[in-house]
Amino acid sequence: MPVDMNRQREALQRTLAARDGTHLQVVKRAQPLTIKRGSHPEVRLEYIAPERWRLDFRHHSGRWQPTPFKGSISEMVDLAAGMGRLQPY
């Protein structure tokens, strides 16, 4: 059964808002969900399996760098926030 990426985007937006991430916006581009701070993409979550996402970071060159981190949306948000990637400017 295919995953409903619109529903996942909404869930991610709620997760961010619950963690004082109201300055962040979630954008769906096909399958990955991108978290933007203003107009700048910061973090991408790539769906790999039910309740499993891979965390990617935006490199200063503009390319995405995959990380070895995989887990639930909530776990990936906590990890990215802990690394300072979701803080306001």
N, C-alpha and C. Protein backbone atom coordinates (compact mmCIF):
# COMPACT_ATOMS: atom_id res chain seq x y z
N MET A 1 0.84 -1.18 0.00
CA MET A 1 0.00 0.00 0.00
C MET A 1 0.89 1.25 0.00
N PRO A 2 0.67 2.17 -0.93
CA PRO A 2 1.51 3.37 -1.00
C PRO A 2 1.27 4.30 0.19
N VAL A 3 2.31 4.98 0.56
CA VAL A 3 2.22 5.91 1.69
C VAL A 3 1.61 7.22 1.19
N ASP A 4 0.76 7.82 2.02
CA ASP A 4 0.13 9.10 1.71
C ASP A 4 1.08 10.21 2.14
N MET A 5 1.85 10.75 1.19
CA MET A 5 2.87 11.74 1.53
C MET A 5 2.26 13.05 2.01
N ASN A 6 1.05 13.38 1.57
CA ASN A 6 0.39 14.59 2.08
C ASN A 6 0.09 14.43 3.57
N ARG A 7 -0.37 13.26 3.95
CA ARG A 7 -0.64 12.99 5.37
C ARG A 7 0.67 13.02 6.17
N GLN A 8 1.73 12.47 5.61
CA GLN A 8 3.03 12.48 6.28
C GLN A 8 3.55 13.92 6.42
N ARG A 9 3.34 14.75 5.39
CA ARG A 9 3.76 16.15 5.46
C ARG A 9 3.03 16.86 6.58
N GLU A 10 1.73 16.64 6.69
CA GLU A 10 0.94 17.26 7.75
C GLU A 10 1.40 16.79 9.13
N ALA A 11 1.69 15.51 9.25
CA ALA A 11 2.17 14.96 10.53
C ALA A 11 3.51 15.58 10.91
N LEU A 12 4.39 15.74 9.93
CA LEU A 12 5.69 16.36 10.18
C LEU A 12 5.52 17.82 10.60
N GLN A 13 4.63 18.54 9.94
CA GLN A 13 4.38 19.95 10.31
C GLN A 13 3.86 20.04 11.74
N ARG A 14 2.98 19.13 12.14
CA ARG A 14 2.47 19.12 13.52
C ARG A 14 3.58 18.79 14.51
N THR A 15 4.45 17.85 14.15
CA THR A 15 5.58 17.47 15.00
C THR A 15 6.49 18.66 15.23
N LEU A 16 6.78 19.40 14.16
CA LEU A 16 7.63 20.58 14.28
C LEU A 16 6.98 21.66 15.14
N ALA A 17 5.70 21.91 14.92
CA ALA A 17 4.98 22.93 15.69
C ALA A 17 4.97 22.58 17.18
N ALA A 18 4.84 21.31 17.51
CA ALA A 18 4.83 20.88 18.90
C ALA A 18 6.18 21.08 19.57
N ARG A 19 7.23 21.23 18.76
CA ARG A 19 8.60 21.42 19.27
C ARG A 19 9.08 22.85 19.03
N ASP A 20 8.16 23.81 19.04
CA ASP A 20 8.47 25.22 18.82
C ASP A 20 9.10 25.46 17.46
N GLY A 21 8.69 24.70 16.47
CA GLY A 21 9.21 24.85 15.12
C GLY A 21 8.24 25.56 14.20
N THR A 22 7.52 26.54 14.73
CA THR A 22 6.54 27.26 13.90
C THR A 22 7.23 28.10 12.84
N HIS A 23 8.53 28.34 12.95
CA HIS A 23 9.29 29.09 11.94
C HIS A 23 9.69 28.20 10.76
N LEU A 24 9.36 26.91 10.84
CA LEU A 24 9.75 25.95 9.81
C LEU A 24 8.56 25.58 8.94
N GLN A 25 8.84 25.29 7.68
CA GLN A 25 7.81 24.90 6.73
C GLN A 25 8.20 23.56 6.12
N VAL A 26 7.21 22.70 5.93
CA VAL A 26 7.45 21.40 5.30
C VAL A 26 6.94 21.45 3.88
N VAL A 27 7.80 21.04 2.95
CA VAL A 27 7.46 21.03 1.53
C VAL A 27 7.57 19.59 1.04
N LYS A 28 6.57 19.15 0.30
CA LYS A 28 6.59 17.81 -0.28
C LYS A 28 6.98 17.93 -1.74
N ARG A 29 8.03 17.23 -2.12
CA ARG A 29 8.47 17.15 -3.51
C ARG A 29 8.52 15.67 -3.87
N ALA A 30 7.46 15.18 -4.49
CA ALA A 30 7.34 13.75 -4.78
C ALA A 30 7.40 12.99 -3.46
N GLN A 31 8.45 12.20 -3.23
CA GLN A 31 8.49 11.41 -2.01
C GLN A 31 9.22 12.08 -0.85
N PRO A 32 10.34 12.75 -1.04
CA PRO A 32 10.99 13.32 0.14
C PRO A 32 10.20 14.50 0.70
N LEU A 33 10.33 14.68 2.02
CA LEU A 33 9.77 15.84 2.69
C LEU A 33 10.93 16.74 3.08
N THR A 34 10.84 18.01 2.71
CA THR A 34 11.91 18.96 2.98
C THR A 34 11.46 19.95 4.03
N ILE A 35 12.31 20.18 5.02
CA ILE A 35 12.04 21.17 6.05
C ILE A 35 12.83 22.41 5.69
N LYS A 36 12.09 23.52 5.53
CA LYS A 36 12.71 24.79 5.15
C LYS A 36 12.66 25.77 6.32
N ARG A 37 13.71 26.54 6.42
CA ARG A 37 13.77 27.65 7.38
C ARG A 37 13.78 28.90 6.53
N GLY A 38 12.64 29.60 6.49
CA GLY A 38 12.50 30.70 5.54
C GLY A 38 12.47 30.12 4.14
N SER A 39 13.31 30.62 3.26
CA SER A 39 13.35 30.08 1.90
C SER A 39 14.48 29.07 1.72
N HIS A 40 15.16 28.73 2.82
CA HIS A 40 16.32 27.85 2.75
C HIS A 40 15.99 26.42 3.18
N PRO A 41 16.13 25.46 2.28
CA PRO A 41 15.97 24.06 2.67
C PRO A 41 17.09 23.66 3.62
N GLU A 42 16.75 23.00 4.71
CA GLU A 42 17.75 22.62 5.71
C GLU A 42 17.89 21.11 5.85
N VAL A 43 16.74 20.43 5.91
CA VAL A 43 16.72 19.01 6.22
C VAL A 43 15.75 18.33 5.27
N ARG A 44 16.11 17.12 4.87
CA ARG A 44 15.20 16.34 4.02
C ARG A 44 15.02 14.98 4.68
N LEU A 45 13.77 14.52 4.68
CA LEU A 45 13.45 13.19 5.18
C LEU A 45 13.02 12.35 3.99
N GLU A 46 13.73 11.28 3.77
CA GLU A 46 13.47 10.38 2.65
C GLU A 46 12.79 9.12 3.19
N TYR A 47 11.61 8.84 2.67
CA TYR A 47 10.84 7.67 3.10
C TYR A 47 11.53 6.40 2.60
N ILE A 48 11.77 5.45 3.53
CA ILE A 48 12.40 4.20 3.11
C ILE A 48 11.54 2.97 3.43
N ALA A 49 10.67 3.06 4.41
CA ALA A 49 9.78 1.95 4.79
C ALA A 49 8.78 2.49 5.80
N PRO A 50 7.71 1.74 6.08
CA PRO A 50 6.75 2.23 7.07
C PRO A 50 7.43 2.62 8.39
N GLU A 51 7.19 3.85 8.81
CA GLU A 51 7.78 4.40 10.04
C GLU A 51 9.31 4.46 10.01
N ARG A 52 9.91 4.44 8.82
CA ARG A 52 11.37 4.55 8.68
C ARG A 52 11.70 5.63 7.67
N TRP A 53 12.47 6.59 8.10
CA TRP A 53 12.89 7.71 7.26
C TRP A 53 14.40 7.87 7.39
N ARG A 54 15.03 8.34 6.32
CA ARG A 54 16.46 8.66 6.36
C ARG A 54 16.60 10.17 6.42
N LEU A 55 17.51 10.64 7.23
CA LEU A 55 17.76 12.06 7.41
C LEU A 55 18.88 12.51 6.48
N ASP A 56 18.63 13.56 5.70
CA ASP A 56 19.64 14.16 4.82
C ASP A 56 19.79 15.63 5.22
N PHE A 57 21.01 16.14 5.13
CA PHE A 57 21.27 17.55 5.41
C PHE A 57 21.68 18.27 4.13
N ARG A 58 21.32 19.53 4.05
CA ARG A 58 21.72 20.36 2.91
C ARG A 58 23.14 20.84 3.16
N HIS A 59 24.01 20.56 2.22
CA HIS A 59 25.41 20.99 2.27
C HIS A 59 25.48 22.44 1.81
N HIS A 60 26.49 23.18 2.22
CA HIS A 60 26.63 24.58 1.82
C HIS A 60 26.77 24.73 0.30
N SER A 61 27.16 23.65 -0.38
CA SER A 61 27.27 23.70 -1.84
C SER A 61 25.90 23.61 -2.52
N GLY A 62 24.85 23.29 -1.73
CA GLY A 62 23.51 23.18 -2.28
C GLY A 62 23.08 21.74 -2.52
N ARG A 63 24.00 20.82 -2.38
CA ARG A 63 23.66 19.40 -2.58
C ARG A 63 23.20 18.78 -1.26
N TRP A 64 22.43 17.70 -1.40
CA TRP A 64 21.97 16.96 -0.23
C TRP A 64 23.00 15.91 0.15
N GLN A 65 23.27 15.81 1.45
CA GLN A 65 24.19 14.80 1.96
C GLN A 65 23.39 13.78 2.77
N PRO A 66 23.31 12.55 2.31
CA PRO A 66 22.64 11.52 3.11
C PRO A 66 23.42 11.27 4.40
N THR A 67 22.72 10.94 5.44
CA THR A 67 23.36 10.58 6.71
C THR A 67 23.07 9.10 6.98
N PRO A 68 23.74 8.52 7.94
CA PRO A 68 23.44 7.12 8.29
C PRO A 68 22.23 6.99 9.22
N PHE A 69 21.59 8.12 9.56
CA PHE A 69 20.53 8.10 10.54
C PHE A 69 19.19 7.71 9.92
N LYS A 70 18.53 6.73 10.55
CA LYS A 70 17.22 6.25 10.09
C LYS A 70 16.34 6.04 11.30
N GLY A 71 15.05 6.35 11.14
CA GLY A 71 14.11 6.15 12.24
C GLY A 71 12.77 6.79 11.92
N SER A 72 11.97 6.99 12.94
CA SER A 72 10.65 7.60 12.76
C SER A 72 10.81 9.10 12.47
N ILE A 73 9.75 9.70 12.01
CA ILE A 73 9.78 11.15 11.77
C ILE A 73 10.17 11.88 13.04
N SER A 74 9.56 11.51 14.14
CA SER A 74 9.83 12.17 15.41
C SER A 74 11.30 12.04 15.82
N GLU A 75 11.86 10.85 15.67
CA GLU A 75 13.27 10.63 16.00
C GLU A 75 14.19 11.47 15.12
N MET A 76 13.88 11.58 13.84
CA MET A 76 14.71 12.34 12.92
C MET A 76 14.62 13.84 13.21
N VAL A 77 13.43 14.32 13.58
CA VAL A 77 13.28 15.73 13.96
C VAL A 77 14.09 16.01 15.22
N ASP A 78 13.99 15.14 16.22
CA ASP A 78 14.76 15.32 17.45
C ASP A 78 16.26 15.34 17.17
N LEU A 79 16.72 14.45 16.30
CA LEU A 79 18.13 14.39 15.96
C LEU A 79 18.58 15.66 15.24
N ALA A 80 17.82 16.09 14.23
CA ALA A 80 18.18 17.30 13.50
C ALA A 80 18.17 18.52 14.41
N ALA A 81 17.18 18.60 15.30
CA ALA A 81 17.11 19.73 16.24
C ALA A 81 18.29 19.70 17.20
N GLY A 82 18.65 18.52 17.67
CA GLY A 82 19.79 18.38 18.57
C GLY A 82 21.10 18.77 17.93
N MET A 83 21.16 18.68 16.61
CA MET A 83 22.37 19.07 15.88
C MET A 83 22.32 20.55 15.47
N GLY A 84 21.27 21.25 15.88
CA GLY A 84 21.15 22.68 15.58
C GLY A 84 20.68 23.02 14.19
N ARG A 85 20.15 22.05 13.46
CA ARG A 85 19.76 22.27 12.07
C ARG A 85 18.37 22.90 11.92
N LEU A 86 17.60 22.99 13.00
CA LEU A 86 16.24 23.50 12.91
C LEU A 86 16.04 24.76 13.75
N GLN A 87 17.12 25.36 14.19
CA GLN A 87 17.01 26.57 15.01
C GLN A 87 16.67 27.77 14.16
N PRO A 88 15.95 28.76 14.73
CA PRO A 88 15.70 29.99 13.97
C PRO A 88 17.02 30.73 13.73
N TYR A 89 17.00 31.59 12.71
CA TYR A 89 18.22 32.36 12.41
C TYR A 89 18.53 33.31 13.52
